Amino acid sequence: MQSDQDRLEHARAVWEGHLRTCRSCAGSSGTCQSAKLLRRSYNSLLRAAGDGGRLPEANA
């Protein structure tokens, strides 16, 4: 089981990696729908951690 901090770091790394490797994100000033979804996921984890609440369990 990953710690909350590990999950946050992983979500951020996935989002940043996508921005670097995605043709749509790297080629324009905007971001693609996948990047927006990854960012929302990261923000949700960050918000949950900041509220002092436990992050949801990853069952998948």
N, C-alpha and C. Protein backbone atom coordinates (compact mmCIF):
# COMPACT_ATOMS: atom_id res chain seq x y z
N MET A 1 0.84 -1.18 0.00
CA MET A 1 0.00 0.00 0.00
C MET A 1 0.89 1.25 0.00
N GLN A 2 0.54 2.18 -0.83
CA GLN A 2 1.32 3.40 -0.93
C GLN A 2 0.89 4.40 0.13
N SER A 3 1.86 5.21 0.56
CA SER A 3 1.51 6.28 1.50
C SER A 3 0.84 7.41 0.72
N ASP A 4 0.19 8.30 1.45
CA ASP A 4 -0.48 9.43 0.81
C ASP A 4 0.51 10.27 0.00
N GLN A 5 1.68 10.49 0.55
CA GLN A 5 2.69 11.31 -0.14
C GLN A 5 3.16 10.62 -1.42
N ASP A 6 3.33 9.31 -1.37
CA ASP A 6 3.74 8.57 -2.57
C ASP A 6 2.69 8.67 -3.67
N ARG A 7 1.43 8.59 -3.28
CA ARG A 7 0.36 8.69 -4.26
C ARG A 7 0.32 10.08 -4.88
N LEU A 8 0.52 11.11 -4.08
CA LEU A 8 0.56 12.47 -4.60
C LEU A 8 1.72 12.65 -5.58
N GLU A 9 2.89 12.18 -5.19
CA GLU A 9 4.07 12.31 -6.04
C GLU A 9 3.88 11.55 -7.35
N HIS A 10 3.29 10.37 -7.28
CA HIS A 10 3.06 9.58 -8.49
C HIS A 10 2.07 10.29 -9.42
N ALA A 11 0.99 10.81 -8.87
CA ALA A 11 -0.01 11.52 -9.68
C ALA A 11 0.61 12.74 -10.35
N ARG A 12 1.43 13.45 -9.62
CA ARG A 12 2.09 14.63 -10.20
C ARG A 12 3.08 14.23 -11.29
N ALA A 13 3.84 13.17 -11.06
CA ALA A 13 4.82 12.70 -12.05
C ALA A 13 4.13 12.24 -13.32
N VAL A 14 3.00 11.56 -13.18
CA VAL A 14 2.25 11.10 -14.36
C VAL A 14 1.75 12.30 -15.15
N TRP A 15 1.20 13.29 -14.46
CA TRP A 15 0.69 14.49 -15.14
C TRP A 15 1.82 15.25 -15.84
N GLU A 16 2.92 15.48 -15.14
CA GLU A 16 4.04 16.20 -15.74
C GLU A 16 4.65 15.41 -16.89
N GLY A 17 4.76 14.10 -16.76
CA GLY A 17 5.27 13.27 -17.84
C GLY A 17 4.40 13.35 -19.07
N HIS A 18 3.10 13.36 -18.86
CA HIS A 18 2.18 13.48 -19.99
C HIS A 18 2.38 14.81 -20.71
N LEU A 19 2.52 15.88 -19.96
CA LEU A 19 2.71 17.19 -20.58
C LEU A 19 3.97 17.22 -21.44
N ARG A 20 5.01 16.51 -21.01
CA ARG A 20 6.26 16.50 -21.78
C ARG A 20 6.18 15.63 -23.02
N THR A 21 5.40 14.56 -22.98
CA THR A 21 5.42 13.59 -24.07
C THR A 21 4.23 13.66 -25.01
N CYS A 22 3.16 14.31 -24.60
CA CYS A 22 1.97 14.40 -25.44
C CYS A 22 2.19 15.39 -26.58
N ARG A 23 1.93 14.96 -27.78
CA ARG A 23 2.11 15.83 -28.94
C ARG A 23 1.21 17.06 -28.87
N SER A 24 -0.02 16.87 -28.46
CA SER A 24 -0.96 17.99 -28.36
C SER A 24 -0.55 18.99 -27.30
N CYS A 25 -0.14 18.49 -26.14
CA CYS A 25 0.23 19.38 -25.04
C CYS A 25 1.55 20.11 -25.32
N ALA A 26 2.51 19.40 -25.89
CA ALA A 26 3.83 19.99 -26.15
C ALA A 26 3.78 20.96 -27.32
N GLY A 27 2.87 20.74 -28.28
CA GLY A 27 2.86 21.54 -29.48
C GLY A 27 2.02 22.80 -29.41
N SER A 28 1.20 22.92 -28.41
CA SER A 28 0.34 24.10 -28.33
C SER A 28 0.40 24.70 -26.93
N SER A 29 -0.23 25.83 -26.80
CA SER A 29 -0.24 26.46 -25.49
C SER A 29 -1.30 25.87 -24.58
N GLY A 30 -2.21 25.08 -25.14
CA GLY A 30 -3.27 24.46 -24.35
C GLY A 30 -2.92 23.05 -23.96
N THR A 31 -3.82 22.42 -23.22
CA THR A 31 -3.62 21.04 -22.82
C THR A 31 -4.76 20.19 -23.37
N CYS A 32 -4.48 18.93 -23.60
CA CYS A 32 -5.50 18.01 -24.12
C CYS A 32 -6.40 17.54 -22.99
N GLN A 33 -7.45 16.82 -23.35
CA GLN A 33 -8.40 16.33 -22.35
C GLN A 33 -7.76 15.36 -21.37
N SER A 34 -6.83 14.55 -21.84
CA SER A 34 -6.15 13.61 -20.94
C SER A 34 -5.37 14.35 -19.88
N ALA A 35 -4.68 15.41 -20.27
CA ALA A 35 -3.91 16.21 -19.31
C ALA A 35 -4.83 16.86 -18.29
N LYS A 36 -5.97 17.33 -18.74
CA LYS A 36 -6.93 17.95 -17.82
C LYS A 36 -7.45 16.93 -16.81
N LEU A 37 -7.71 15.72 -17.26
CA LEU A 37 -8.17 14.66 -16.36
C LEU A 37 -7.09 14.29 -15.34
N LEU A 38 -5.85 14.16 -15.82
CA LEU A 38 -4.74 13.85 -14.91
C LEU A 38 -4.54 14.95 -13.88
N ARG A 39 -4.67 16.20 -14.31
CA ARG A 39 -4.52 17.33 -13.39
C ARG A 39 -5.64 17.33 -12.35
N ARG A 40 -6.86 17.04 -12.79
CA ARG A 40 -7.99 16.97 -11.85
C ARG A 40 -7.76 15.87 -10.81
N SER A 41 -7.24 14.74 -11.25
CA SER A 41 -6.96 13.64 -10.33
C SER A 41 -5.92 14.06 -9.30
N TYR A 42 -4.86 14.72 -9.76
CA TYR A 42 -3.82 15.20 -8.85
C TYR A 42 -4.39 16.22 -7.87
N ASN A 43 -5.20 17.15 -8.38
CA ASN A 43 -5.78 18.17 -7.51
C ASN A 43 -6.70 17.56 -6.46
N SER A 44 -7.45 16.54 -6.84
CA SER A 44 -8.33 15.87 -5.89
C SER A 44 -7.54 15.21 -4.77
N LEU A 45 -6.45 14.54 -5.13
CA LEU A 45 -5.59 13.92 -4.11
C LEU A 45 -4.97 14.98 -3.22
N LEU A 46 -4.53 16.07 -3.81
CA LEU A 46 -3.91 17.15 -3.05
C LEU A 46 -4.91 17.77 -2.09
N ARG A 47 -6.12 18.00 -2.56
CA ARG A 47 -7.17 18.58 -1.72
C ARG A 47 -7.51 17.64 -0.56
N ALA A 48 -7.61 16.36 -0.84
CA ALA A 48 -7.92 15.39 0.21
C ALA A 48 -6.81 15.34 1.25
N ALA A 49 -5.58 15.43 0.81
CA ALA A 49 -4.45 15.40 1.74
C ALA A 49 -4.39 16.69 2.54
N GLY A 50 -4.72 17.82 1.92
CA GLY A 50 -4.68 19.11 2.60
C GLY A 50 -5.79 19.28 3.63
N ASP A 51 -6.89 18.59 3.42
CA ASP A 51 -8.01 18.67 4.35
C ASP A 51 -7.76 17.83 5.59
N GLY A 52 -6.69 17.09 5.59
CA GLY A 52 -6.41 16.22 6.72
C GLY A 52 -7.15 14.90 6.62
N GLY A 53 -7.96 14.78 5.59
CA GLY A 53 -8.70 13.53 5.39
C GLY A 53 -7.82 12.50 4.74
N ARG A 54 -8.22 11.27 4.86
CA ARG A 54 -7.46 10.20 4.22
C ARG A 54 -7.80 10.17 2.74
N LEU A 55 -6.82 9.84 1.93
CA LEU A 55 -7.05 9.72 0.51
C LEU A 55 -7.84 8.45 0.24
N PRO A 56 -8.65 8.45 -0.82
CA PRO A 56 -9.41 7.24 -1.14
C PRO A 56 -8.47 6.08 -1.49
N GLU A 57 -8.88 4.88 -1.11
CA GLU A 57 -8.07 3.70 -1.38
C GLU A 57 -8.06 3.41 -2.88
N ALA A 58 -6.92 3.00 -3.38
CA ALA A 58 -6.79 2.61 -4.79
C ALA A 58 -7.02 1.12 -4.90
N ASN A 59 -8.19 0.73 -5.36
CA ASN A 59 -8.53 -0.68 -5.49
C ASN A 59 -8.31 -1.21 -6.87
N ALA A 60 -8.02 -0.36 -7.81
CA ALA A 60 -7.85 -0.79 -9.19
C ALA A 60 -6.43 -1.17 -9.47
